[in-house]
């Protein structure tokens, strides 16, 4: 039986049974698959090259790879980095080479390609270079760190996004129809909220809830049972989810560690995605602490790594520790407000010309035109400072960043005030 043939077996997981057979039925990833978007163009014009699909679980990486192979009439060979080694790679590559000699193209799909070590990834290179295979790698990890540079340079990386609540509801509606059950839209939306952008999780919940419901209609109690306590803590509209996030953020901003721990515990007990919480803590470090304590960002990034490495429940302690640290840190949103102010100016005014003294002059003609004229190199001065203007004409007195006298930022404030005073005095003295 071929890969794309239906075995009619209801025993397969619902997520597997619901894989679309046409690219037009694929839901999500419009930023790369919408009309005129890069991957869509590659597929439609049959100009397929090796690609890396990077994204979280359950967003359609495997499904997309199978559809790409079908759309381009290629032989599809799935390959697991967990179960295979160099021996298996060479066997598959030899078959792909024979297929190429017969005029047939092979799409080799490598799931979890980040689990291959350098030597295993190196084994793909000659076959990719010769065109024996079109490699499609799938990974949940940043390819820049997990895929060797030689493969990266020969592949196009496409970042896949978590599916939206609306997209998950569409998929669940199709699945409910295939299961022959009626489903209230609000119940499907509740499952979508719970799934966190992961279609596989959504399908699993629907399948469990449908089996428990009976009578051909999805039952609310069965959905609540399938997702355990999530329904009780995060209401159907999803409002409570955002209420708890807001409460955690504002408790940290207000330097109240006990309140922050309470709201954090509520989120953990509700089954919230730990990496989502870690990302929110990192945002707090950037937005509400900033340069008042530059180490806050370091702590938040370390927390993300610890949560990813340890998992549940051990990683929860890293979240708690980081929340406490952020509560205790001095607060400043001066850097956050400064960027907002700069963006507002950029959006509301015509783009200002770069001053000639700040432009590079790589050619003789550009030097003759005045590029780089009047540039002052700070390192050539004893103080490491210059009086050279770096703002565009008409914006010389503009100030975006207004540091506060809190924590480390108080030192930044003193330093910047000292620099401004030094420039003022030198300009007045005509130097």
Protein backbone atom coordinates (compact mmCIF):
# COMPACT_ATOMS: atom_id res chain seq x y z
CA UNK A 1 0.00 0.00 0.00
CA UNK A 2 1.33 3.46 -0.92
CA UNK A 3 1.88 6.26 1.50
CA UNK A 4 -1.11 8.25 0.31
CA UNK A 5 -3.58 5.39 0.18
CA UNK A 6 -6.32 5.25 2.80
CA UNK A 7 -6.37 2.05 4.78
CA UNK A 8 -9.85 2.87 6.07
CA UNK A 9 -8.71 2.07 9.57
CA UNK A 10 -10.52 3.98 12.27
CA UNK A 11 -7.90 2.78 14.71
CA UNK A 12 -5.47 5.41 13.50
CA UNK A 13 -5.37 8.58 15.63
CA UNK A 14 -7.80 11.27 14.54
CA UNK A 15 -4.92 13.66 13.80
CA UNK A 16 -3.58 11.15 11.28
CA UNK A 17 -6.97 10.51 9.70
CA UNK A 18 -7.63 14.22 9.28
CA UNK A 19 -4.50 15.02 7.28
CA UNK A 20 -5.68 16.90 4.16
CA UNK A 21 -5.00 15.43 0.73
CA UNK A 22 -4.92 18.78 -1.10
CA UNK A 23 -2.84 21.85 -0.45
CA UNK A 24 -6.03 23.93 -0.74
CA UNK A 25 -7.40 22.18 2.37
CA UNK A 26 -4.33 22.93 4.48
CA UNK A 27 -5.16 25.34 7.32
CA UNK A 28 -2.72 27.92 8.64
CA UNK A 29 0.72 29.29 7.72
CA UNK A 30 -0.72 31.87 5.33
CA UNK A 31 2.49 33.91 5.70
CA UNK A 32 4.31 31.31 3.58
CA UNK A 33 1.47 29.51 1.78
CA UNK A 34 -0.90 32.33 0.87
CA UNK A 35 -1.21 33.42 -2.78
CA UNK A 36 2.12 34.75 -4.01
CA UNK A 37 3.94 33.74 -0.81
CA UNK A 38 7.39 32.13 -1.17
CA UNK A 39 6.71 28.46 -0.44
CA UNK A 40 3.44 28.52 -2.39
CA UNK A 41 5.28 29.89 -5.41
CA UNK A 42 7.99 27.23 -5.10
CA UNK A 43 5.37 24.49 -5.04
CA UNK A 44 3.16 25.85 -7.82
CA UNK A 45 6.11 26.45 -10.17
CA UNK A 46 7.65 23.10 -9.23
CA UNK A 47 10.90 24.74 -8.20
CA UNK A 48 11.26 22.80 -5.02
CA UNK A 49 14.54 23.03 -3.12
CA UNK A 50 15.59 21.60 0.22
CA UNK A 51 13.76 23.32 3.07
CA UNK A 52 13.67 23.33 6.86
CA UNK A 53 10.26 23.66 8.52
CA UNK A 54 10.78 25.21 11.94
CA UNK A 55 7.89 25.51 14.36
CA UNK A 56 6.24 24.24 17.55
CA UNK A 57 4.53 20.83 17.74
CA UNK A 58 1.19 20.29 16.06
CA UNK A 59 1.30 23.13 13.52
CA UNK A 60 1.38 20.94 10.40
CA UNK A 61 5.04 20.34 9.56
CA UNK A 62 4.59 16.68 8.61
CA UNK A 63 1.32 17.36 6.82
CA UNK A 64 2.89 20.17 4.81
CA UNK A 65 5.81 17.96 3.81
CA UNK A 66 3.49 15.22 2.52
CA UNK A 67 1.43 17.75 0.56
CA UNK A 68 4.55 19.27 -0.97
CA UNK A 69 5.62 15.83 -2.17
CA UNK A 70 2.17 15.06 -3.57
CA UNK A 71 1.80 18.45 -5.26
CA UNK A 72 5.20 18.12 -6.96
CA UNK A 73 4.61 14.46 -7.85
CA UNK A 74 7.61 13.29 -5.89
CA UNK A 75 8.26 10.05 -4.06
CA UNK A 76 7.84 10.74 -0.34
CA UNK A 77 10.15 8.99 2.11
CA UNK A 78 9.58 9.73 5.83
CA UNK A 79 12.63 9.39 8.03
CA UNK A 80 12.83 9.64 11.81
CA UNK A 81 15.89 11.12 13.47
CA UNK A 82 14.92 9.27 16.63
CA UNK A 83 14.92 5.80 15.07
CA UNK A 84 17.55 6.02 12.33
CA UNK A 85 21.33 6.29 12.04
CA UNK A 86 23.96 6.66 9.34
CA UNK A 87 23.44 3.09 8.09
CA UNK A 88 19.75 3.75 7.42
CA UNK A 89 20.60 7.12 5.84
CA UNK A 90 22.95 5.49 3.33
CA UNK A 91 20.39 2.82 2.45
CA UNK A 92 17.71 5.43 1.76
CA UNK A 93 20.17 7.60 -0.17
CA UNK A 94 21.21 4.73 -2.41
CA UNK A 95 17.57 4.07 -3.30
CA UNK A 96 16.99 7.80 -3.94
CA UNK A 97 20.01 7.89 -6.27
CA UNK A 98 18.59 4.99 -8.28
CA UNK A 99 15.23 6.79 -8.45
CA UNK A 100 16.92 9.95 -9.76
CA UNK A 101 18.64 7.97 -12.48
CA UNK A 102 15.19 6.77 -13.51
CA UNK A 103 13.99 10.38 -13.68
CA UNK A 104 12.04 10.26 -10.42
CA UNK A 105 12.43 12.80 -7.63
CA UNK A 106 12.55 11.84 -3.96
CA UNK A 107 11.42 14.09 -1.14
CA UNK A 108 13.12 12.89 2.03
CA UNK A 109 11.26 14.11 5.09
CA UNK A 110 13.39 14.07 8.23
CA UNK A 111 11.30 14.56 11.34
CA UNK A 112 13.10 16.09 14.33
CA UNK A 113 16.22 16.72 12.28
CA UNK A 114 17.76 18.52 15.27
CA UNK A 115 18.18 15.13 16.94
CA UNK A 116 20.75 14.07 14.34
CA UNK A 117 24.34 14.74 15.35
CA UNK A 118 26.82 16.51 13.07
CA UNK A 119 28.13 13.31 11.47
CA UNK A 120 24.60 12.13 10.67
CA UNK A 121 23.65 15.49 9.18
CA UNK A 122 26.88 15.51 7.17
CA UNK A 123 25.78 12.23 5.58
CA UNK A 124 22.96 14.04 3.77
CA UNK A 125 25.20 16.66 2.13
CA UNK A 126 26.50 14.87 -1.00
CA UNK A 127 23.01 13.64 -1.89
CA UNK A 128 21.49 17.09 -1.44
CA UNK A 129 24.26 18.66 -3.53
CA UNK A 130 23.88 16.12 -6.35
CA UNK A 131 20.12 16.53 -6.36
CA UNK A 132 19.45 12.89 -5.48
CA UNK A 133 16.98 14.12 -2.86
CA UNK A 134 15.00 17.17 -1.90
CA UNK A 135 15.44 17.33 1.86
CA UNK A 136 12.58 18.59 4.02
CA UNK A 137 13.64 18.75 7.64
CA UNK A 138 11.23 19.43 10.50
CA UNK A 139 12.38 20.82 13.82
CA UNK A 140 10.99 22.46 16.92
CA UNK A 141 14.42 23.91 17.69
CA UNK A 142 16.14 26.96 16.22
CA UNK A 143 17.86 25.64 13.07
CA UNK A 144 20.68 28.17 13.49
CA UNK A 145 21.81 26.23 16.55
CA UNK A 146 20.70 22.69 15.74
CA UNK A 147 21.31 22.22 12.00
CA UNK A 148 24.85 22.26 10.59
CA UNK A 149 25.75 25.35 8.57
CA UNK A 150 26.46 23.35 5.41
CA UNK A 151 22.88 22.03 5.34
CA UNK A 152 21.45 25.41 6.29
CA UNK A 153 23.25 27.12 3.43
CA UNK A 154 21.66 24.66 0.99
CA UNK A 155 18.17 24.96 2.45
CA UNK A 156 15.46 27.57 2.80
CA UNK A 157 14.19 27.90 6.36
CA UNK A 158 10.47 28.51 6.80
CA UNK A 159 9.22 29.41 10.29
CA UNK A 160 5.79 27.96 11.03
CA UNK A 161 3.55 29.69 13.56
CA UNK A 162 1.19 28.23 16.18
CA UNK A 163 -2.28 27.88 14.72
CA UNK A 164 -4.74 30.57 15.74
CA UNK A 165 -7.83 29.83 17.77
CA UNK A 166 -9.97 30.36 14.66
CA UNK A 167 -7.83 27.99 12.59
CA UNK A 168 -8.08 25.26 15.24
CA UNK A 169 -11.87 25.70 15.33
CA UNK A 170 -12.00 25.18 11.56
CA UNK A 171 -10.03 21.94 11.87
CA UNK A 172 -12.16 20.74 14.78
CA UNK A 173 -15.33 21.47 12.81
CA UNK A 174 -14.10 19.29 9.96
CA UNK A 175 -13.10 16.55 12.37
CA UNK A 176 -16.44 16.61 14.18
CA UNK A 177 -18.14 16.17 10.83
CA UNK A 178 -15.92 13.21 9.96
CA UNK A 179 -16.77 11.64 13.33
CA UNK A 180 -20.49 12.15 12.72
CA UNK A 181 -21.07 14.25 15.84
CA UNK A 182 -22.75 17.60 16.34
CA UNK A 183 -20.58 20.06 18.22
CA UNK A 184 -21.45 23.41 19.72
CA UNK A 185 -19.11 26.13 18.45
CA UNK A 186 -18.30 27.26 21.99
CA UNK A 187 -17.16 23.77 22.95
CA UNK A 188 -14.89 23.62 19.92
CA UNK A 189 -13.54 27.05 20.83
CA UNK A 190 -12.84 25.85 24.37
CA UNK A 191 -10.82 22.93 22.99
CA UNK A 192 -9.00 25.36 20.68
CA UNK A 193 -8.07 27.58 23.65
CA UNK A 194 -6.80 24.57 25.55
CA UNK A 195 -4.72 23.32 22.61
CA UNK A 196 -2.50 26.40 22.54
CA UNK A 197 -2.10 26.37 18.76
CA UNK A 198 -1.35 22.61 18.62
CA UNK A 199 -3.74 20.86 16.22
CA UNK A 200 -2.68 17.39 17.37
CA UNK A 201 -3.62 18.20 20.96
CA UNK A 202 -6.96 19.59 19.79
CA UNK A 203 -7.73 16.46 17.77
CA UNK A 204 -6.83 14.20 20.70
CA UNK A 205 -9.15 16.08 23.06
CA UNK A 206 -11.99 16.00 20.53
CA UNK A 207 -11.56 12.27 19.98
CA UNK A 208 -11.57 11.51 23.70
CA UNK A 209 -14.53 13.78 24.38
CA UNK A 210 -16.50 12.34 21.46
CA UNK A 211 -15.98 8.78 22.70
CA UNK A 212 -17.23 9.82 26.15
CA UNK A 213 -20.21 11.79 24.85
CA UNK A 214 -22.30 9.31 22.87
CA UNK A 215 -25.68 10.18 21.38
CA UNK A 216 -24.02 11.77 18.35
CA UNK A 217 -23.48 15.11 20.09
CA UNK A 218 -20.41 16.51 21.83
CA UNK A 219 -21.15 16.86 25.53
CA UNK A 220 -19.82 19.72 27.67
CA UNK A 221 -19.07 17.43 30.62
CA UNK A 222 -17.08 15.12 28.35
CA UNK A 223 -15.02 18.06 27.07
CA UNK A 224 -14.35 19.23 30.63
CA UNK A 225 -13.28 15.72 31.58
CA UNK A 226 -11.01 15.41 28.53
CA UNK A 227 -9.15 18.61 29.32
CA UNK A 228 -9.31 18.02 33.09
CA UNK A 229 -9.14 21.25 35.10
CA UNK A 230 -8.51 23.61 32.22
CA UNK A 231 -12.18 24.44 31.64
CA UNK A 232 -12.70 25.19 35.29
CA UNK A 233 -9.89 27.72 35.43
CA UNK A 234 -10.00 29.21 31.91
CA UNK A 235 -13.52 30.12 30.87
CA UNK A 236 -15.02 29.43 27.47
CA UNK A 237 -14.29 32.87 26.06
CA UNK A 238 -10.65 32.61 27.02
CA UNK A 239 -10.98 35.78 29.10
CA UNK A 240 -9.75 34.15 32.31
CA UNK A 241 -6.57 33.05 30.54
CA UNK A 242 -5.70 36.66 29.79
CA UNK A 243 -6.91 37.81 33.21
CA UNK A 244 -4.39 35.53 34.92
CA UNK A 245 -1.56 36.61 32.63
CA UNK A 246 -2.42 40.24 33.31
CA UNK A 247 -2.54 39.62 37.06
CA UNK A 248 0.90 37.98 37.02
CA UNK A 249 2.42 40.78 34.92
CA UNK A 250 0.98 43.57 37.06
CA UNK A 251 2.01 41.84 40.30
CA UNK A 252 5.59 41.65 39.04
CA UNK A 253 5.47 45.29 37.89
CA UNK A 254 4.20 46.25 41.36
CA UNK A 255 7.01 44.28 43.08
CA UNK A 256 4.64 41.92 44.91
CA UNK A 257 6.25 38.46 44.94
CA UNK A 258 3.51 36.71 46.95
CA UNK A 259 0.80 37.86 44.55
CA UNK A 260 2.98 36.93 41.58
CA UNK A 261 3.48 33.42 42.99
CA UNK A 262 -0.26 33.00 43.52
CA UNK A 263 -1.13 33.93 39.94
CA UNK A 264 1.78 31.86 38.65
CA UNK A 265 0.51 28.83 40.59
CA UNK A 266 -2.97 29.36 39.14
CA UNK A 267 -1.53 29.25 35.63
CA UNK A 268 0.60 26.19 36.36
CA UNK A 269 -2.29 24.28 37.88
CA UNK A 270 -4.46 25.16 34.87
CA UNK A 271 -1.90 23.43 32.66
CA UNK A 272 -0.63 26.56 30.94
CA UNK A 273 2.24 26.10 28.48
CA UNK A 274 5.40 26.63 30.53
CA UNK A 275 7.30 28.22 27.66
CA UNK A 276 4.49 30.72 27.23
CA UNK A 277 4.91 31.74 30.87
CA UNK A 278 8.68 31.97 30.42
CA UNK A 279 8.22 34.23 27.40
CA UNK A 280 5.90 36.46 29.40
CA UNK A 281 8.47 36.73 32.19
CA UNK A 282 11.10 37.73 29.63
CA UNK A 283 8.77 40.41 28.34
CA UNK A 284 8.36 41.73 31.90
CA UNK A 285 12.13 41.91 32.29
CA UNK A 286 12.44 43.95 29.11
CA UNK A 287 9.36 46.12 29.48
CA UNK A 288 9.20 46.85 33.22
CA UNK A 289 12.77 46.50 34.51
CA UNK A 290 15.00 47.33 31.60
CA UNK A 291 18.28 49.01 32.49
CA UNK A 292 17.31 49.43 36.13
CA UNK A 293 18.64 45.86 36.39
CA UNK A 294 20.17 44.56 33.12
CA UNK A 295 20.59 41.13 34.69
CA UNK A 296 16.81 40.66 34.73
CA UNK A 297 16.88 39.77 31.03
CA UNK A 298 19.73 37.33 31.65
CA UNK A 299 17.73 35.66 34.43
CA UNK A 300 14.62 35.40 32.24
CA UNK A 301 16.55 33.86 29.33
CA UNK A 302 18.22 31.40 31.71
CA UNK A 303 14.74 30.55 33.00
CA UNK A 304 13.54 29.75 29.46
CA UNK A 305 16.46 27.40 28.96
CA UNK A 306 15.89 25.73 32.34
CA UNK A 307 12.18 25.22 31.64
CA UNK A 308 12.95 23.74 28.22
CA UNK A 309 15.70 21.50 29.60
CA UNK A 310 13.95 20.29 32.77
CA UNK A 311 10.35 20.13 31.65
CA UNK A 312 7.45 19.63 34.08
CA UNK A 313 7.41 19.76 37.07
CA UNK A 314 11.07 20.58 37.77
CA UNK A 315 11.10 23.57 35.43
CA UNK A 316 8.23 25.16 37.36
CA UNK A 317 10.65 26.11 40.12
CA UNK A 318 12.71 28.09 37.62
CA UNK A 319 9.58 30.06 36.73
CA UNK A 320 8.89 30.78 40.38
CA UNK A 321 12.48 31.81 41.06
CA UNK A 322 12.49 34.17 38.09
CA UNK A 323 9.15 35.71 39.04
CA UNK A 324 10.51 36.46 42.52
CA UNK A 325 13.71 37.96 41.08
CA UNK A 326 11.72 40.22 38.75
CA UNK A 327 9.52 41.35 41.62
CA UNK A 328 12.54 42.29 43.72
CA UNK A 329 14.35 44.10 40.89
CA UNK A 330 14.16 47.91 40.58
CA UNK A 331 11.71 48.96 37.88
CA UNK A 332 12.07 51.22 34.85
CA UNK A 333 10.18 51.34 31.57
CA UNK A 334 12.36 54.20 30.26
CA UNK A 335 13.94 52.09 27.49
CA UNK A 336 10.52 50.71 26.53
CA UNK A 337 9.03 54.19 26.33
CA UNK A 338 12.07 55.48 24.43
CA UNK A 339 11.62 52.98 21.61
CA UNK A 340 7.89 53.74 21.44
CA UNK A 341 8.66 57.44 21.15
CA UNK A 342 11.26 56.85 18.42
CA UNK A 343 8.84 54.66 16.46
CA UNK A 344 6.14 57.29 16.71
CA UNK A 345 8.47 59.88 15.19
CA UNK A 346 9.51 57.47 12.41
CA UNK A 347 5.88 56.65 11.59
CA UNK A 348 4.61 60.23 11.68
CA UNK A 349 7.36 62.03 9.75
CA UNK A 350 9.00 61.61 6.35
CA UNK A 351 12.27 59.62 6.54
CA UNK A 352 15.16 61.95 7.37
CA UNK A 353 18.36 61.83 5.33
CA UNK A 354 21.38 60.25 6.98
CA UNK A 355 23.89 63.06 7.73
CA UNK A 356 26.89 62.97 5.40
CA UNK A 357 29.33 62.55 8.31
CA UNK A 358 27.65 59.26 9.23
CA UNK A 359 27.73 57.74 5.77
CA UNK A 360 30.36 55.30 4.57
CA UNK A 361 32.43 56.23 1.54
CA UNK A 362 33.66 52.95 0.00
CA UNK A 363 34.42 54.55 -3.40
CA UNK A 364 36.45 57.57 -4.50
CA UNK A 365 33.38 59.13 -6.11
CA UNK A 366 31.42 58.93 -2.88
CA UNK A 367 34.24 60.67 -1.03
CA UNK A 368 34.17 63.42 -3.65
CA UNK A 369 30.43 63.77 -3.12
CA UNK A 370 31.02 64.40 0.59
CA UNK A 371 30.20 60.99 2.03
CA UNK A 372 31.94 60.62 5.38
CA UNK A 373 33.04 64.25 5.40
CA UNK A 374 33.38 65.62 8.94
CA UNK A 375 33.29 62.22 10.59
CA UNK A 376 34.97 62.19 14.01
CA UNK A 377 36.27 58.85 15.36
CA UNK A 378 35.51 58.70 19.08
CA UNK A 379 38.37 56.33 19.85
CA UNK A 380 40.92 58.87 18.62
CA UNK A 381 39.95 61.30 21.39
CA UNK A 382 41.25 60.93 24.92
CA UNK A 383 37.75 60.96 26.42
CA UNK A 384 36.36 58.51 23.83
CA UNK A 385 33.75 61.14 22.89
CA UNK A 386 33.08 63.55 20.02
CA UNK A 387 30.93 66.64 19.46
CA UNK A 388 29.80 65.28 16.08
CA UNK A 389 26.04 65.45 15.45
CA UNK A 390 24.43 62.05 14.87
CA UNK A 391 20.79 63.09 14.58
CA UNK A 392 19.21 64.07 11.23
CA UNK A 393 18.85 67.73 10.44
CA UNK A 394 16.04 69.34 12.41
CA UNK A 395 16.11 66.69 15.16
CA UNK A 396 19.29 67.77 16.93
CA UNK A 397 17.57 68.45 20.28
CA UNK A 398 15.30 65.39 20.24
CA UNK A 399 15.54 63.13 23.30
CA UNK A 400 13.81 59.75 23.35
CA UNK A 401 15.50 57.98 26.23
CA UNK A 402 14.91 59.54 29.65
CA UNK A 403 16.52 57.24 32.21
CA UNK A 404 15.18 57.03 35.74
CA UNK A 405 17.24 57.26 38.92
CA UNK A 406 16.55 53.63 39.87
CA UNK A 407 18.98 50.77 40.26
CA UNK A 408 21.69 50.49 37.63
CA UNK A 409 19.82 52.97 35.43
CA UNK A 410 20.74 55.74 37.86
CA UNK A 411 24.36 55.19 36.78
CA UNK A 412 23.30 55.25 33.13
CA UNK A 413 21.46 58.52 33.79
CA UNK A 414 24.53 60.11 35.38
CA UNK A 415 26.75 58.92 32.53
CA UNK A 416 24.49 60.27 29.78
CA UNK A 417 24.07 63.61 31.55
CA UNK A 418 27.84 63.83 31.85
CA UNK A 419 28.26 63.13 28.11
CA UNK A 420 25.71 65.80 27.19
CA UNK A 421 27.43 68.35 29.44
CA UNK A 422 30.84 67.52 27.94
CA UNK A 423 29.45 68.01 24.41
CA UNK A 424 27.78 71.30 25.38
CA UNK A 425 30.98 72.74 26.84
CA UNK A 426 33.13 71.65 23.87
CA UNK A 427 30.71 73.14 21.39
CA UNK A 428 30.57 76.41 23.31
CA UNK A 429 34.36 76.51 23.32
CA UNK A 430 34.32 75.95 19.56
CA UNK A 431 36.10 72.61 19.72
